[in-house]
Protein backbone atom coordinates (compact mmCIF):
# COMPACT_ATOMS: atom_id res chain seq x y z
CA MET A 1 187.47 145.21 -45.43
CA THR A 2 186.77 141.56 -45.54
CA ASP A 3 185.47 139.78 -48.54
CA GLU A 4 181.77 138.54 -47.74
CA LYS A 5 182.57 135.14 -49.26
CA THR A 6 185.64 134.43 -47.21
CA LEU A 7 184.95 131.77 -44.36
CA GLN A 8 185.47 133.53 -40.97
CA ASN A 9 184.24 130.94 -38.22
CA VAL A 10 183.09 127.39 -38.00
CA LEU A 11 180.34 126.21 -35.47
CA ILE A 12 180.33 122.56 -34.84
CA MET A 13 177.54 120.98 -32.73
CA VAL A 14 178.20 117.60 -31.21
CA THR A 15 175.33 115.44 -29.70
CA ASP A 16 175.87 112.19 -27.95
CA ILE A 17 173.62 109.85 -29.24
CA SER A 18 174.96 106.70 -27.43
CA GLU A 19 172.08 106.63 -25.37
CA LEU A 20 169.64 106.90 -28.11
CA TYR A 21 171.64 104.15 -29.98
CA HIS A 22 171.43 102.02 -27.01
CA SER A 23 167.68 102.59 -26.54
CA LYS A 24 167.12 101.76 -30.14
CA ASN A 25 169.08 98.44 -29.77
CA GLN A 26 167.25 97.53 -26.58
CA MET A 27 163.79 98.14 -28.39
CA GLU A 28 164.85 95.76 -31.17
CA TYR A 29 165.96 93.16 -28.62
CA LEU A 30 162.62 93.44 -26.62
CA ALA A 31 160.68 93.23 -29.99
CA SER A 32 162.62 89.97 -31.05
CA TYR A 33 163.82 88.26 -27.77
CA ASP A 34 162.29 86.81 -24.61
CA THR A 35 163.78 88.65 -21.74
CA LEU A 36 163.69 85.71 -19.20
CA THR A 37 165.38 83.04 -21.49
CA ASN A 38 166.99 85.21 -23.87
CA LEU A 39 165.60 83.07 -26.54
CA PRO A 40 163.93 84.28 -29.73
CA ASN A 41 160.30 85.17 -29.13
CA ARG A 42 157.21 84.33 -31.10
CA ALA A 43 157.69 87.02 -33.72
CA LEU A 44 161.32 86.10 -34.35
CA LEU A 45 160.64 82.35 -34.22
CA PHE A 46 157.96 82.86 -36.86
CA ASN A 47 160.49 84.75 -39.10
CA GLN A 48 163.24 82.23 -38.54
CA LEU A 49 161.04 79.35 -39.36
CA LYS A 50 159.95 81.06 -42.56
CA GLN A 51 163.65 81.61 -43.48
CA SER A 52 164.45 78.01 -42.65
CA ILE A 53 161.59 76.67 -44.72
CA ALA A 54 162.81 78.84 -47.65
CA SER A 55 166.41 77.69 -47.26
CA MET A 56 165.23 73.99 -47.18
CA ALA A 57 162.99 74.58 -50.20
CA ARG A 58 166.03 75.75 -52.26
CA LYS A 59 168.15 72.88 -51.09
CA LYS A 60 165.38 70.35 -51.41
CA SER A 61 166.22 69.09 -47.94
CA ARG A 62 164.01 68.17 -45.05
CA GLY A 63 163.65 69.46 -41.63
CA MET A 64 161.71 69.08 -38.27
CA LEU A 65 159.80 71.42 -35.88
CA ILE A 66 159.34 70.34 -32.33
CA PHE A 67 156.68 71.82 -30.23
CA ILE A 68 157.66 71.63 -26.33
CA ASP A 69 155.32 72.05 -23.43
CA ILE A 70 156.30 71.64 -19.86
CA ASP A 71 153.96 69.28 -18.18
CA HIS A 72 151.95 70.41 -15.15
CA PHE A 73 153.82 73.71 -15.16
CA LYS A 74 150.89 75.70 -13.46
CA GLU A 75 151.56 73.37 -10.39
CA PHE A 76 155.14 74.70 -9.98
CA ASN A 77 153.69 78.41 -9.66
CA ASP A 78 150.92 77.30 -7.58
CA ASN A 79 153.10 75.20 -5.19
CA TYR A 80 156.63 77.08 -5.12
CA GLY A 81 155.61 80.57 -6.29
CA HIS A 82 156.31 82.41 -9.71
CA GLN A 83 159.90 82.94 -8.97
CA ILE A 84 160.57 79.16 -9.06
CA GLY A 85 158.21 78.87 -12.04
CA ASP A 86 160.55 81.34 -13.84
CA LYS A 87 163.63 79.20 -12.75
CA VAL A 88 161.92 76.08 -14.15
CA LEU A 89 161.44 77.89 -17.51
CA LEU A 90 164.96 78.98 -17.45
CA THR A 91 166.42 75.49 -16.65
CA VAL A 92 164.37 73.78 -19.36
CA ALA A 93 165.54 76.40 -21.87
CA LYS A 94 169.17 75.97 -20.89
CA GLN A 95 168.97 72.27 -20.88
CA ILE A 96 167.37 71.77 -24.27
CA GLN A 97 169.71 74.38 -25.68
CA SER A 98 172.72 72.50 -24.39
CA ILE A 99 172.03 69.42 -26.71
CA CYS A 100 171.04 71.46 -29.68
CA ARG A 101 173.25 71.43 -32.69
CA GLU A 102 174.90 74.85 -33.65
CA GLU A 103 172.48 75.37 -36.48
CA ASP A 104 169.14 74.53 -34.56
CA ILE A 105 167.00 77.34 -33.31
CA LEU A 106 165.31 77.13 -29.93
CA GLY A 107 162.78 79.80 -29.11
CA ARG A 108 160.10 80.43 -26.32
CA LEU A 109 156.69 80.69 -28.10
CA SER A 110 154.74 81.71 -25.00
CA GLY A 111 154.29 80.74 -21.38
CA ASP A 112 155.90 77.31 -21.09
CA GLU A 113 155.83 76.48 -24.72
CA PHE A 114 159.03 76.36 -26.74
CA LEU A 115 159.74 75.64 -30.50
CA LEU A 116 162.73 73.92 -31.86
CA ILE A 117 163.72 74.30 -35.36
CA SER A 118 165.92 71.85 -36.97
CA GLU A 119 166.95 72.22 -40.71
CA ASP A 120 168.62 69.45 -42.94
CA ILE A 121 167.34 66.43 -41.01
CA ASP A 122 167.36 63.80 -43.73
CA ASN A 123 166.96 60.51 -42.04
CA GLN A 124 165.05 59.07 -39.16
CA ASN A 125 168.00 58.29 -36.99
CA ALA A 126 168.90 61.98 -36.69
CA ILE A 127 165.45 62.88 -35.67
CA GLN A 128 165.29 60.07 -33.01
CA MET A 129 168.79 61.15 -31.88
CA ILE A 130 167.65 64.75 -31.15
CA ILE A 131 164.44 63.55 -29.35
CA HIS A 132 166.38 60.84 -27.37
CA LYS A 133 168.89 63.70 -26.25
CA ILE A 134 166.08 65.82 -25.23
CA GLN A 135 164.18 63.14 -23.37
CA SER A 136 167.31 61.87 -21.36
CA ILE A 137 167.90 65.31 -19.77
CA PHE A 138 164.62 65.17 -18.06
CA LYS A 139 164.84 61.72 -16.77
CA ARG A 140 166.72 62.91 -13.63
CA PRO A 141 165.59 65.42 -11.23
CA GLN A 142 166.46 69.32 -11.94
CA GLN A 143 168.36 71.08 -9.18
CA ILE A 144 166.50 74.45 -9.03
CA ALA A 145 166.95 76.88 -6.14
CA ASN A 146 167.92 74.28 -3.60
CA LEU A 147 164.88 72.10 -4.81
CA SER A 148 164.98 68.84 -6.47
CA LEU A 149 162.19 68.97 -8.93
CA HIS A 150 161.00 66.31 -11.37
CA VAL A 151 160.31 68.39 -14.55
CA THR A 152 158.94 66.43 -17.58
CA ILE A 153 157.94 67.76 -21.17
CA SER A 154 155.58 66.85 -23.91
CA MET A 155 156.80 66.96 -27.47
CA GLY A 156 154.97 67.27 -30.82
CA ILE A 157 156.93 66.85 -33.91
CA ALA A 158 156.00 68.06 -37.48
CA LEU A 159 158.24 67.23 -40.45
CA TYR A 160 158.90 69.50 -43.29
CA PRO A 161 157.72 69.32 -46.14
CA ALA A 162 155.51 66.12 -45.23
CA ASN A 163 153.39 67.91 -42.63
CA GLY A 164 153.40 71.53 -43.77
CA GLN A 165 155.30 73.96 -45.99
CA THR A 166 154.50 77.16 -44.22
CA PRO A 167 155.14 78.37 -40.75
CA GLU A 168 151.49 78.21 -39.70
CA SER A 169 150.85 74.72 -41.10
CA LEU A 170 154.04 73.33 -39.33
CA ILE A 171 153.21 74.96 -35.92
CA ASN A 172 149.81 73.86 -36.12
CA ALA A 173 150.94 70.35 -36.92
CA ALA A 174 153.40 70.23 -34.18
CA ASP A 175 150.86 71.56 -31.78
CA GLN A 176 148.31 69.10 -32.50
CA ALA A 177 150.90 66.30 -32.04
CA MET A 178 151.89 67.83 -28.68
CA TYR A 179 148.32 67.97 -27.52
CA SER A 180 147.95 64.18 -28.33
CA VAL A 181 150.76 63.35 -25.99
CA LYS A 182 149.06 65.65 -23.24
CA LYS A 183 145.84 63.78 -23.72
CA SER A 184 147.44 60.34 -23.54
CA GLY A 185 149.51 60.88 -20.34
CA ARG A 186 152.23 63.52 -20.90
CA ASN A 187 156.06 63.06 -20.66
CA ASN A 188 156.44 61.65 -24.09
CA TYR A 189 156.53 62.66 -27.84
CA ALA A 190 154.22 62.27 -30.84
CA PHE A 191 154.73 62.76 -34.65
CA TYR A 192 151.92 64.58 -36.44
CA SER A 193 149.41 62.37 -38.45
CA GLN A 194 146.47 63.37 -40.63
CA GLU A 195 144.30 61.54 -37.98
CA MET A 196 145.24 63.99 -35.54
CA SER A 197 144.06 66.79 -37.52
CA ASN A 198 140.66 65.09 -38.21
CA ILE A 199 140.37 64.70 -34.33
CA ALA A 200 141.43 68.50 -33.76
CA ASN A 201 138.74 69.49 -36.26
CA GLU A 202 136.08 67.56 -34.59
CA TYR A 203 137.19 68.61 -31.27
CA PHE A 204 136.74 72.36 -32.29
CA PHE A 205 133.43 71.64 -33.88
CA ILE A 206 132.04 70.04 -30.69
CA GLN A 207 133.51 72.58 -28.50
CA ASN A 208 132.02 75.43 -30.25
CA ALA A 209 128.50 73.59 -30.66
CA LEU A 210 128.66 72.78 -27.02
CA LYS A 211 129.24 76.50 -26.03
CA ASP A 212 126.00 77.34 -28.14
CA ALA A 213 124.19 74.49 -26.27
CA ILE A 214 125.05 75.88 -22.97
CA ASN A 215 123.99 79.38 -24.01
CA ALA A 216 120.73 77.98 -25.15
CA GLU A 217 120.44 75.46 -22.40
CA ASN A 218 119.85 72.74 -24.79
CA PHE A 219 119.83 69.92 -22.48
CA SER A 220 117.30 67.56 -21.00
CA LEU A 221 117.21 64.81 -18.38
CA VAL A 222 116.48 61.18 -18.28
CA TYR A 223 116.15 59.06 -15.24
CA GLN A 224 117.33 55.67 -14.47
CA PRO A 225 115.96 53.87 -11.36
CA GLN A 226 117.95 51.87 -8.88
CA TYR A 227 116.36 48.53 -7.45
CA ALA A 228 116.91 46.84 -4.29
CA ILE A 229 117.98 43.36 -5.29
CA ASP A 230 116.05 41.48 -2.62
CA ASP A 231 112.60 42.98 -3.16
CA HIS A 232 112.86 44.96 -6.33
CA SER A 233 111.77 48.35 -4.80
CA ILE A 234 113.20 51.54 -6.18
CA THR A 235 115.69 52.79 -3.55
CA GLY A 236 117.26 55.62 -5.87
CA ILE A 237 117.18 57.22 -9.22
CA GLU A 238 120.29 58.34 -11.19
CA VAL A 239 119.82 61.52 -13.21
CA LEU A 240 121.32 61.38 -16.66
CA LEU A 241 122.08 64.24 -19.00
CA ARG A 242 121.23 64.40 -22.66
CA CYS A 243 122.22 67.21 -25.12
CA THR A 244 119.33 68.34 -27.44
CA HIS A 245 121.49 70.63 -29.59
CA SER A 246 120.78 69.75 -33.22
CA ARG A 247 124.57 69.63 -34.35
CA ILE A 248 125.82 67.36 -31.40
CA SER A 249 122.76 65.55 -30.12
CA THR A 250 124.17 62.37 -31.57
CA VAL A 251 127.66 62.66 -29.83
CA PRO A 252 127.90 60.42 -26.92
CA ILE A 253 127.24 62.41 -23.70
CA GLU A 254 130.30 60.93 -22.06
CA ARG A 255 132.50 62.67 -24.96
CA LEU A 256 130.84 65.94 -24.46
CA ILE A 257 131.40 65.83 -20.70
CA LYS A 258 134.97 65.15 -21.20
CA ILE A 259 135.33 68.01 -23.51
CA ALA A 260 133.39 70.32 -21.21
CA GLU A 261 135.78 69.50 -18.53
CA GLU A 262 138.85 70.14 -20.65
CA THR A 263 137.60 73.39 -21.80
CA GLY A 264 136.31 74.55 -18.53
CA ASN A 265 132.70 74.68 -19.50
CA ILE A 266 131.57 71.69 -17.05
CA LYS A 267 130.72 74.19 -14.18
CA GLN A 268 128.12 75.96 -16.49
CA ILE A 269 126.60 72.53 -17.50
CA SER A 270 126.53 71.31 -13.86
CA TYR A 271 124.88 74.54 -12.88
CA ILE A 272 122.07 73.95 -15.43
CA VAL A 273 121.70 70.40 -14.45
CA LEU A 274 121.45 71.07 -10.82
CA ASN A 275 118.83 73.53 -11.32
CA MET A 276 116.77 71.29 -13.79
CA VAL A 277 117.05 68.36 -11.08
CA CYS A 278 115.70 70.85 -8.24
CA ASP A 279 112.99 72.03 -10.37
CA GLN A 280 111.74 68.45 -11.37
CA LEU A 281 112.00 67.35 -7.65
CA TYR A 282 110.07 70.35 -6.52
CA ALA A 283 107.36 69.59 -9.33
CA TRP A 284 107.14 66.13 -8.35
CA GLU A 285 106.70 66.93 -4.68
CA ILE A 286 103.93 69.51 -5.61
CA GLN A 287 102.19 66.64 -7.58
CA GLY A 288 102.41 64.35 -4.55
CA PHE A 289 105.04 61.90 -5.77
CA LYS A 290 107.16 60.05 -3.35
CA VAL A 291 110.52 60.33 -4.76
CA PRO A 292 113.62 58.46 -3.42
CA PRO A 293 116.83 60.46 -3.63
CA LEU A 294 118.16 61.72 -7.12
CA ALA A 295 121.74 60.75 -7.81
CA VAL A 296 123.66 63.70 -9.48
CA ASN A 297 127.38 63.39 -10.52
CA LEU A 298 129.85 65.89 -9.31
CA SER A 299 132.80 66.52 -11.74
CA ARG A 300 136.33 66.86 -10.44
CA LYS A 301 136.39 70.60 -11.01
CA GLU A 302 133.32 71.10 -9.13
CA LEU A 303 134.81 69.49 -6.24
CA TYR A 304 137.95 71.82 -6.22
CA ALA A 305 135.51 74.90 -6.18
CA ASP A 306 135.34 76.95 -3.31
CA ASN A 307 131.76 78.06 -3.95
CA LEU A 308 130.50 74.51 -4.33
CA ILE A 309 128.45 74.29 -1.03
CA LEU A 310 126.84 77.81 -1.65
CA THR A 311 125.69 76.74 -5.12
CA ILE A 312 124.07 73.48 -4.01
CA HIS A 313 122.62 75.26 -1.04
CA ASN A 314 121.08 78.15 -3.23
CA ALA A 315 119.60 75.46 -5.62
CA LEU A 316 117.90 73.65 -2.93
CA SER A 317 116.83 76.53 -0.92
CA ARG A 318 115.39 78.14 -4.16
CA TYR A 319 112.80 75.11 -4.19
CA LYS A 320 112.61 74.57 -0.49
CA LEU A 321 114.21 70.96 -0.92
CA GLN A 322 116.16 69.10 1.72
CA PRO A 323 119.70 67.78 1.31
CA HIS A 324 118.92 64.24 1.55
CA ALA A 325 116.79 64.38 -1.53
CA LEU A 326 119.96 64.87 -3.57
CA GLU A 327 122.61 62.16 -3.63
CA LEU A 328 126.10 63.11 -4.99
CA GLU A 329 128.16 60.85 -7.03
CA ILE A 330 132.01 61.21 -7.45
CA THR A 331 134.08 59.35 -9.94
CA GLU A 332 137.24 57.80 -8.63
CA SER A 333 139.52 60.28 -10.86
CA ALA A 334 138.42 63.12 -8.51
CA PHE A 335 140.72 61.69 -6.13
CA LEU A 336 143.89 61.91 -8.35
CA TYR A 337 145.24 64.91 -6.64
CA GLU A 338 144.73 65.54 -2.84
CA SER A 339 143.18 68.84 -1.89
CA ASP A 340 142.01 70.41 1.37
CA MET A 341 139.18 72.01 -0.50
CA VAL A 342 137.99 68.70 -1.87
CA ILE A 343 138.13 67.20 1.77
CA ASP A 344 136.42 70.12 3.30
CA ASN A 345 133.60 70.26 0.55
CA ILE A 346 132.74 66.63 0.80
CA LYS A 347 132.76 66.71 4.79
CA ARG A 348 130.61 69.90 4.73
CA LEU A 349 128.18 68.36 2.34
CA LYS A 350 127.95 65.26 4.30
CA LYS A 351 127.34 67.24 7.32
CA LEU A 352 124.56 69.05 5.75
CA GLY A 353 122.75 65.74 4.98
CA HIS A 354 124.00 64.79 1.61
CA THR A 355 124.71 61.03 0.79
CA PHE A 356 127.87 60.23 -1.36
CA ALA A 357 128.52 57.35 -3.71
CA ILE A 358 131.72 56.58 -5.40
CA ASP A 359 130.98 56.09 -9.00
CA ASP A 360 132.71 53.73 -11.73
CA TYR A 361 134.65 51.91 -8.82
CA GLY A 362 137.67 50.08 -9.95
CA THR A 363 138.27 52.21 -13.04
CA GLY A 364 140.15 55.17 -11.58
CA PHE A 365 142.53 56.34 -8.83
CA SER A 366 140.91 56.03 -5.54
CA SER A 367 142.26 54.18 -2.43
CA LEU A 368 140.76 52.52 0.48
CA SER A 369 142.16 55.45 2.50
CA ASN A 370 139.78 57.88 0.47
CA ILE A 371 136.80 55.56 1.34
CA LYS A 372 138.02 55.56 5.14
CA THR A 373 138.47 59.36 5.14
CA PHE A 374 135.21 60.51 3.47
CA HIS A 375 132.91 57.83 5.02
CA PHE A 376 130.99 57.30 1.76
CA ASP A 377 127.55 55.83 1.75
CA LYS A 378 127.46 53.78 -1.44
CA LEU A 379 130.03 52.28 -3.84
CA LYS A 380 129.25 51.70 -7.54
CA ILE A 381 130.90 48.91 -9.36
CA ASP A 382 131.59 49.82 -12.82
CA LYS A 383 129.71 48.43 -15.78
CA SER A 384 132.93 46.95 -17.26
CA PHE A 385 133.23 44.39 -14.31
CA ILE A 386 129.54 43.41 -14.76
CA ASP A 387 129.58 42.94 -18.63
CA ASN A 388 131.15 39.68 -18.59
CA LEU A 389 130.40 38.48 -14.87
CA GLN A 390 128.75 35.34 -15.99
CA THR A 391 131.71 34.42 -18.19
CA TYR A 392 135.01 35.39 -16.63
CA GLU A 393 136.05 34.25 -13.36
CA GLU A 394 138.37 36.86 -12.78
CA ASP A 395 135.55 39.46 -12.83
CA GLN A 396 133.71 37.27 -10.26
CA VAL A 397 136.74 37.50 -7.86
CA ILE A 398 136.98 41.11 -8.20
CA VAL A 399 133.35 42.01 -7.83
CA SER A 400 132.99 39.49 -4.89
CA ALA A 401 136.07 41.00 -3.12
CA THR A 402 134.74 44.60 -3.73
CA ILE A 403 131.30 43.71 -2.32
CA SER A 404 132.70 42.12 0.74
CA MET A 405 135.18 44.91 1.60
CA ALA A 406 132.42 47.46 0.83
CA LYS A 407 130.16 45.76 3.29
CA LYS A 408 132.66 45.60 5.93
CA LEU A 409 133.29 49.42 5.58
CA GLY A 410 129.57 49.92 5.95
CA LEU A 411 128.87 50.94 2.48
CA LYS A 412 125.85 49.88 0.25
CA VAL A 413 126.97 48.41 -3.11
CA ILE A 414 125.38 49.32 -6.42
CA ALA A 415 126.16 47.27 -9.56
CA GLU A 416 125.79 49.43 -12.93
CA GLY A 417 124.96 47.95 -16.37
CA VAL A 418 123.15 44.75 -15.24
CA GLU A 419 121.51 43.46 -18.36
CA ILE A 420 120.80 39.73 -17.87
CA GLN A 421 119.21 37.71 -15.14
CA GLU A 422 122.33 35.53 -14.81
CA GLN A 423 124.38 38.69 -13.66
CA ALA A 424 121.73 39.66 -11.25
CA ASP A 425 121.79 36.20 -9.64
CA ILE A 426 125.49 36.20 -9.27
CA LEU A 427 125.44 39.62 -7.69
CA GLN A 428 122.65 38.61 -5.24
CA ARG A 429 124.77 35.69 -4.21
CA PHE A 430 127.85 37.86 -3.54
CA GLY A 431 125.68 40.19 -1.28
CA CYS A 432 125.08 43.19 -3.76
CA ASP A 433 122.45 45.52 -2.34
CA ILE A 434 121.12 47.60 -5.46
CA ILE A 435 121.06 46.97 -9.04
CA GLN A 436 120.97 49.38 -12.00
CA GLY A 437 120.61 48.48 -15.55
CA PHE A 438 118.66 47.57 -18.67
CA LEU A 439 117.32 44.33 -17.06
CA TYR A 440 115.10 46.10 -14.80
CA SER A 441 114.75 49.69 -16.67
CA LYS A 442 116.23 51.65 -19.38
CA PRO A 443 116.86 55.46 -18.56
CA LEU A 444 113.42 56.90 -18.53
CA THR A 445 111.85 60.37 -19.66
CA LYS A 446 109.88 62.32 -17.23
CA GLU A 447 106.62 60.96 -18.15
CA GLU A 448 107.71 57.25 -17.98
CA MET A 449 109.42 57.93 -14.64
CA GLU A 450 106.17 59.42 -13.34
CA LYS A 451 104.23 56.41 -14.31
CA LEU A 452 106.97 54.07 -12.66
CA LEU A 453 106.69 56.05 -9.42
CA ILE A 454 102.87 55.72 -9.36
CA GLU A 455 103.36 51.88 -9.79
CA LYS A 456 106.24 50.99 -7.58
CA VAL A 457 106.71 53.69 -4.96
């Protein structure tokens, strides 16, 4: 008989947990690293920046955070496909990593944005050396999948502790500095300053107020007549936008339009303006006014829209208006990038009966080939060439040559911003066709414009 307390058998259960262990490691990796570049991701970067700040605070040392953004990255995806776009990201990551110090931390923040954390940077020479090394890499084309691509980057730099003492404040400061580089032309770097913060705060305020203005349609129109230089008859009327929202009514309309273009809200504003213009044209026709063509500016983003023709057609059809009632003005910057969509939109609108004018000529990027390609009807000489026309011989040479060229190409010429008689006399001598400016009329309200139409048309 066996003692009940004596051990008779042992049962051992063995479970292979290597797959579970591997899965756990894989999940931890995915939570902390970017799968494309193998760099720390946003979450890990934030923690590492926090640790770097704590370390520098203990040592009373200084550091640097560089916010890096690839210029025109969307164009790589659009023109070559997302596989090439991924290779561009990978190349940029590897190239920057190749010049980093062992203690530096490079990570992918999101999309085409990277952060470089550098601790213990105690003098300006060390800072400039790192920046110079990064810039030198991208001076030469990058060989990517049998393609030779020019890849450039914009960098914003924030210094610890001068520009921030928390991860949030340092990232925000570096981001603002990077954005200032984007606005000033890209492919460069900038250090954060308090002025940038003030500008960013103002920008954010205007952006939000502008959205409110769009939702409430807080806009009005004023009208500036264009006069034939020989008999002073009204040949056209430029429609100018004003914002009536109480928080931004004093902000120059040019600034509001620029912010609307940058934030993608310009299409909504243009739609509102187009319908306001057509509504006013219809009201004037009902009242029996003989109204010359109203000139409306088209933004670059509108020209690139595939529904531009339909949008304009629907607005005109709603009020039973003819295309020739609406003249379309395009600034030179609209031609910065060639596009089949732009070419098609302009040619189709001209075929429908719209006239076109190049606005602000001489300040943008258009060329004679664009004038020849699109067969524009009018060319508007920018105000900056008219302001000192009576004083500077150089401006007279430019204006005279521009008018002569336009005439030979069959375009009528409008001079903007004419304010004194001497300017008008010079323009008439050069052969200018049309004058617009305070010499003859400031922008007018609807009621003032109606009174002028009764008198002059």
